[in-house]
Amino acid sequence: NLEGDVEIENSDGTILKTQELRVDIVTQKAYSGQDVRVESKSGTIDSTGLEGDMGTGTMIFTGPAKVILYSDGNVLSPTPKASTP
């Protein structure tokens, strides 16, 4: 178990921050029931709780979550233009 100001950074610069992270080396799974923050160049995710699979790189945010996405101007669906009456 990792406790107290846990901060993990992966190779692409994504950072995970929490106060507690339980890691099972055998199953390659990680869990937290604490507040979690993930910061990347694409945005941030704040959640209460996390289940992660280090083998697949999958993270499931188990509690209420807030996601903020950053735009670099290259969007798939442009913002709709204001309608004119």
N, C-alpha and C. Protein backbone atom coordinates (compact mmCIF):
# COMPACT_ATOMS: atom_id res chain seq x y z
N ASN A 1 0.83 -1.19 0.00
CA ASN A 1 0.00 0.00 0.00
C ASN A 1 0.87 1.25 0.00
N LEU A 2 0.44 2.23 -0.76
CA LEU A 2 1.10 3.53 -0.78
C LEU A 2 0.17 4.51 -0.08
N GLU A 3 0.70 5.30 0.84
CA GLU A 3 -0.13 6.22 1.61
C GLU A 3 0.52 7.58 1.75
N GLY A 4 -0.32 8.63 1.73
CA GLY A 4 0.14 9.99 1.98
C GLY A 4 0.77 10.65 0.78
N ASP A 5 0.06 11.55 0.15
CA ASP A 5 0.58 12.31 -1.00
C ASP A 5 1.20 11.41 -2.07
N VAL A 6 0.46 10.39 -2.49
CA VAL A 6 0.92 9.48 -3.54
C VAL A 6 0.85 10.21 -4.88
N GLU A 7 1.93 10.15 -5.64
CA GLU A 7 1.98 10.77 -6.96
C GLU A 7 2.73 9.83 -7.89
N ILE A 8 2.06 9.41 -8.97
CA ILE A 8 2.66 8.49 -9.93
C ILE A 8 2.59 9.12 -11.31
N GLU A 9 3.71 9.12 -12.03
CA GLU A 9 3.76 9.68 -13.38
C GLU A 9 4.12 8.58 -14.36
N ASN A 10 3.37 8.49 -15.48
CA ASN A 10 3.72 7.49 -16.48
C ASN A 10 4.55 8.13 -17.59
N SER A 11 4.92 7.34 -18.58
CA SER A 11 5.87 7.78 -19.60
C SER A 11 5.34 8.92 -20.49
N ASP A 12 4.02 9.09 -20.60
CA ASP A 12 3.49 10.18 -21.43
C ASP A 12 3.24 11.46 -20.63
N GLY A 13 3.64 11.46 -19.36
CA GLY A 13 3.50 12.65 -18.54
C GLY A 13 2.22 12.73 -17.74
N THR A 14 1.33 11.75 -17.88
CA THR A 14 0.10 11.73 -17.10
C THR A 14 0.45 11.46 -15.64
N ILE A 15 -0.15 12.24 -14.74
CA ILE A 15 0.14 12.13 -13.31
C ILE A 15 -1.13 11.76 -12.56
N LEU A 16 -1.02 10.75 -11.69
CA LEU A 16 -2.10 10.34 -10.80
C LEU A 16 -1.73 10.77 -9.39
N LYS A 17 -2.68 11.44 -8.70
CA LYS A 17 -2.44 11.89 -7.33
C LYS A 17 -3.57 11.39 -6.44
N THR A 18 -3.22 10.88 -5.27
CA THR A 18 -4.19 10.43 -4.28
C THR A 18 -3.51 10.32 -2.93
N GLN A 19 -4.28 10.08 -1.89
CA GLN A 19 -3.72 9.91 -0.56
C GLN A 19 -3.45 8.45 -0.23
N GLU A 20 -4.05 7.54 -1.00
CA GLU A 20 -3.84 6.11 -0.75
C GLU A 20 -4.03 5.34 -2.05
N LEU A 21 -3.15 4.40 -2.30
CA LEU A 21 -3.26 3.53 -3.47
C LEU A 21 -2.85 2.13 -3.05
N ARG A 22 -3.77 1.19 -3.21
CA ARG A 22 -3.47 -0.22 -2.91
C ARG A 22 -3.10 -0.89 -4.23
N VAL A 23 -1.97 -1.55 -4.26
CA VAL A 23 -1.46 -2.16 -5.48
C VAL A 23 -1.26 -3.65 -5.24
N ASP A 24 -1.81 -4.48 -6.14
CA ASP A 24 -1.60 -5.93 -6.10
C ASP A 24 -0.66 -6.27 -7.25
N ILE A 25 0.58 -6.53 -6.92
CA ILE A 25 1.61 -6.79 -7.94
C ILE A 25 1.28 -8.05 -8.74
N VAL A 26 0.72 -9.07 -8.10
CA VAL A 26 0.42 -10.34 -8.77
C VAL A 26 -0.64 -10.14 -9.86
N THR A 27 -1.73 -9.46 -9.53
CA THR A 27 -2.81 -9.28 -10.51
C THR A 27 -2.64 -8.03 -11.36
N GLN A 28 -1.65 -7.19 -11.01
CA GLN A 28 -1.41 -5.93 -11.73
C GLN A 28 -2.60 -4.98 -11.64
N LYS A 29 -3.29 -4.99 -10.48
CA LYS A 29 -4.44 -4.12 -10.25
C LYS A 29 -4.10 -3.09 -9.18
N ALA A 30 -4.73 -1.92 -9.27
CA ALA A 30 -4.55 -0.86 -8.29
C ALA A 30 -5.93 -0.33 -7.90
N TYR A 31 -6.07 0.04 -6.63
CA TYR A 31 -7.36 0.49 -6.11
C TYR A 31 -7.16 1.67 -5.18
N SER A 32 -8.15 2.56 -5.16
CA SER A 32 -8.18 3.63 -4.17
C SER A 32 -9.63 3.98 -3.90
N GLY A 33 -9.95 4.19 -2.63
CA GLY A 33 -11.27 4.67 -2.24
C GLY A 33 -11.22 6.14 -1.87
N GLN A 34 -10.06 6.73 -2.02
CA GLN A 34 -9.84 8.14 -1.67
C GLN A 34 -10.05 9.03 -2.90
N ASP A 35 -10.02 10.34 -2.67
CA ASP A 35 -10.08 11.27 -3.79
C ASP A 35 -8.87 11.04 -4.69
N VAL A 36 -9.11 11.07 -5.99
CA VAL A 36 -8.08 10.80 -6.99
C VAL A 36 -8.10 11.95 -7.99
N ARG A 37 -6.92 12.37 -8.43
CA ARG A 37 -6.81 13.38 -9.49
C ARG A 37 -5.84 12.84 -10.53
N VAL A 38 -6.26 12.90 -11.79
CA VAL A 38 -5.40 12.52 -12.91
C VAL A 38 -5.22 13.77 -13.77
N GLU A 39 -3.98 14.13 -14.01
CA GLU A 39 -3.65 15.31 -14.82
C GLU A 39 -2.88 14.86 -16.05
N SER A 40 -3.31 15.34 -17.21
CA SER A 40 -2.59 15.04 -18.45
C SER A 40 -2.64 16.27 -19.34
N LYS A 41 -1.95 16.20 -20.47
CA LYS A 41 -1.97 17.33 -21.40
C LYS A 41 -3.36 17.50 -22.02
N SER A 42 -4.21 16.46 -21.93
CA SER A 42 -5.56 16.52 -22.49
C SER A 42 -6.59 17.07 -21.53
N GLY A 43 -6.28 17.07 -20.21
CA GLY A 43 -7.24 17.55 -19.24
C GLY A 43 -7.01 16.95 -17.87
N THR A 44 -8.04 17.07 -17.02
CA THR A 44 -7.96 16.53 -15.66
C THR A 44 -9.22 15.75 -15.34
N ILE A 45 -9.07 14.78 -14.44
CA ILE A 45 -10.19 14.03 -13.90
C ILE A 45 -10.05 14.04 -12.39
N ASP A 46 -11.11 14.46 -11.71
CA ASP A 46 -11.18 14.39 -10.25
C ASP A 46 -12.29 13.41 -9.90
N SER A 47 -11.99 12.42 -9.05
CA SER A 47 -12.96 11.39 -8.72
C SER A 47 -12.76 10.93 -7.29
N THR A 48 -13.78 10.29 -6.77
CA THR A 48 -13.67 9.60 -5.49
C THR A 48 -13.60 8.12 -5.81
N GLY A 49 -12.41 7.56 -5.79
CA GLY A 49 -12.22 6.14 -6.03
C GLY A 49 -11.73 5.82 -7.43
N LEU A 50 -10.95 4.74 -7.48
CA LEU A 50 -10.32 4.33 -8.73
C LEU A 50 -10.05 2.83 -8.69
N GLU A 51 -10.26 2.17 -9.82
CA GLU A 51 -9.80 0.80 -10.03
C GLU A 51 -8.97 0.83 -11.30
N GLY A 52 -7.74 0.37 -11.22
CA GLY A 52 -6.86 0.41 -12.38
C GLY A 52 -6.30 -0.95 -12.71
N ASP A 53 -6.08 -1.19 -13.98
CA ASP A 53 -5.44 -2.41 -14.46
C ASP A 53 -4.15 -2.00 -15.14
N MET A 54 -3.02 -2.28 -14.49
CA MET A 54 -1.73 -1.87 -15.03
C MET A 54 -1.35 -2.65 -16.29
N GLY A 55 -1.92 -3.83 -16.47
CA GLY A 55 -1.64 -4.62 -17.65
C GLY A 55 -2.24 -4.02 -18.91
N THR A 56 -3.46 -3.49 -18.78
CA THR A 56 -4.15 -2.93 -19.95
C THR A 56 -4.08 -1.40 -19.98
N GLY A 57 -3.71 -0.79 -18.85
CA GLY A 57 -3.68 0.66 -18.77
C GLY A 57 -5.05 1.28 -18.57
N THR A 58 -6.03 0.45 -18.20
CA THR A 58 -7.40 0.90 -18.01
C THR A 58 -7.60 1.45 -16.60
N MET A 59 -8.31 2.58 -16.50
CA MET A 59 -8.69 3.13 -15.20
C MET A 59 -10.20 3.32 -15.19
N ILE A 60 -10.84 2.85 -14.12
CA ILE A 60 -12.27 3.04 -13.92
C ILE A 60 -12.42 3.92 -12.69
N PHE A 61 -13.08 5.06 -12.85
CA PHE A 61 -13.32 5.97 -11.75
C PHE A 61 -14.64 5.57 -11.11
N THR A 62 -14.58 5.15 -9.83
CA THR A 62 -15.72 4.48 -9.19
C THR A 62 -16.68 5.41 -8.49
N GLY A 63 -16.29 6.62 -8.21
CA GLY A 63 -17.18 7.54 -7.50
C GLY A 63 -17.59 8.68 -8.40
N PRO A 64 -18.26 9.65 -7.82
CA PRO A 64 -18.57 10.83 -8.62
C PRO A 64 -17.29 11.40 -9.22
N ALA A 65 -17.38 11.85 -10.46
CA ALA A 65 -16.18 12.34 -11.15
C ALA A 65 -16.48 13.64 -11.89
N LYS A 66 -15.45 14.45 -12.00
CA LYS A 66 -15.52 15.69 -12.78
C LYS A 66 -14.38 15.64 -13.79
N VAL A 67 -14.72 15.86 -15.05
CA VAL A 67 -13.74 15.80 -16.13
C VAL A 67 -13.65 17.17 -16.78
N ILE A 68 -12.43 17.65 -16.97
CA ILE A 68 -12.18 18.89 -17.71
C ILE A 68 -11.26 18.54 -18.86
N LEU A 69 -11.70 18.80 -20.09
CA LEU A 69 -10.89 18.53 -21.28
C LEU A 69 -10.35 19.83 -21.83
N TYR A 70 -9.08 19.83 -22.20
CA TYR A 70 -8.45 21.00 -22.79
C TYR A 70 -8.52 20.88 -24.30
N SER A 71 -8.72 22.00 -24.98
CA SER A 71 -8.78 22.01 -26.43
C SER A 71 -7.54 22.70 -26.98
N ASP A 72 -7.00 22.11 -28.03
CA ASP A 72 -5.87 22.75 -28.71
C ASP A 72 -6.33 23.42 -30.00
N GLY A 73 -7.66 23.50 -30.18
CA GLY A 73 -8.21 24.11 -31.38
C GLY A 73 -8.56 23.09 -32.45
N ASN A 74 -8.09 21.87 -32.31
CA ASN A 74 -8.41 20.81 -33.26
C ASN A 74 -9.49 19.93 -32.65
N VAL A 75 -10.74 20.27 -32.92
CA VAL A 75 -11.85 19.53 -32.34
C VAL A 75 -12.57 18.74 -33.41
N LEU A 76 -13.13 17.60 -33.02
CA LEU A 76 -13.87 16.78 -33.97
C LEU A 76 -15.22 17.40 -34.29
N SER A 77 -15.88 17.96 -33.29
CA SER A 77 -17.18 18.60 -33.47
C SER A 77 -17.06 20.05 -33.03
N PRO A 78 -17.00 20.97 -33.98
CA PRO A 78 -16.84 22.37 -33.60
C PRO A 78 -18.01 22.86 -32.75
N THR A 79 -17.74 23.86 -31.94
CA THR A 79 -18.78 24.46 -31.12
C THR A 79 -19.84 25.05 -32.03
N PRO A 80 -21.12 24.76 -31.74
CA PRO A 80 -22.18 25.32 -32.61
C PRO A 80 -22.17 26.84 -32.56
N LYS A 81 -22.46 27.45 -33.71
CA LYS A 81 -22.52 28.90 -33.78
C LYS A 81 -23.83 29.38 -33.16
N ALA A 82 -23.78 30.55 -32.56
CA ALA A 82 -24.99 31.12 -31.95
C ALA A 82 -26.04 31.32 -33.03
N SER A 83 -27.27 30.97 -32.69
CA SER A 83 -28.35 31.15 -33.67
C SER A 83 -28.76 32.61 -33.73
N THR A 84 -29.16 33.03 -34.91
CA THR A 84 -29.61 34.40 -35.12
C THR A 84 -31.13 34.40 -35.21
N PRO A 85 -31.81 35.23 -34.41
CA PRO A 85 -33.30 35.22 -34.45
C PRO A 85 -33.85 35.75 -35.75
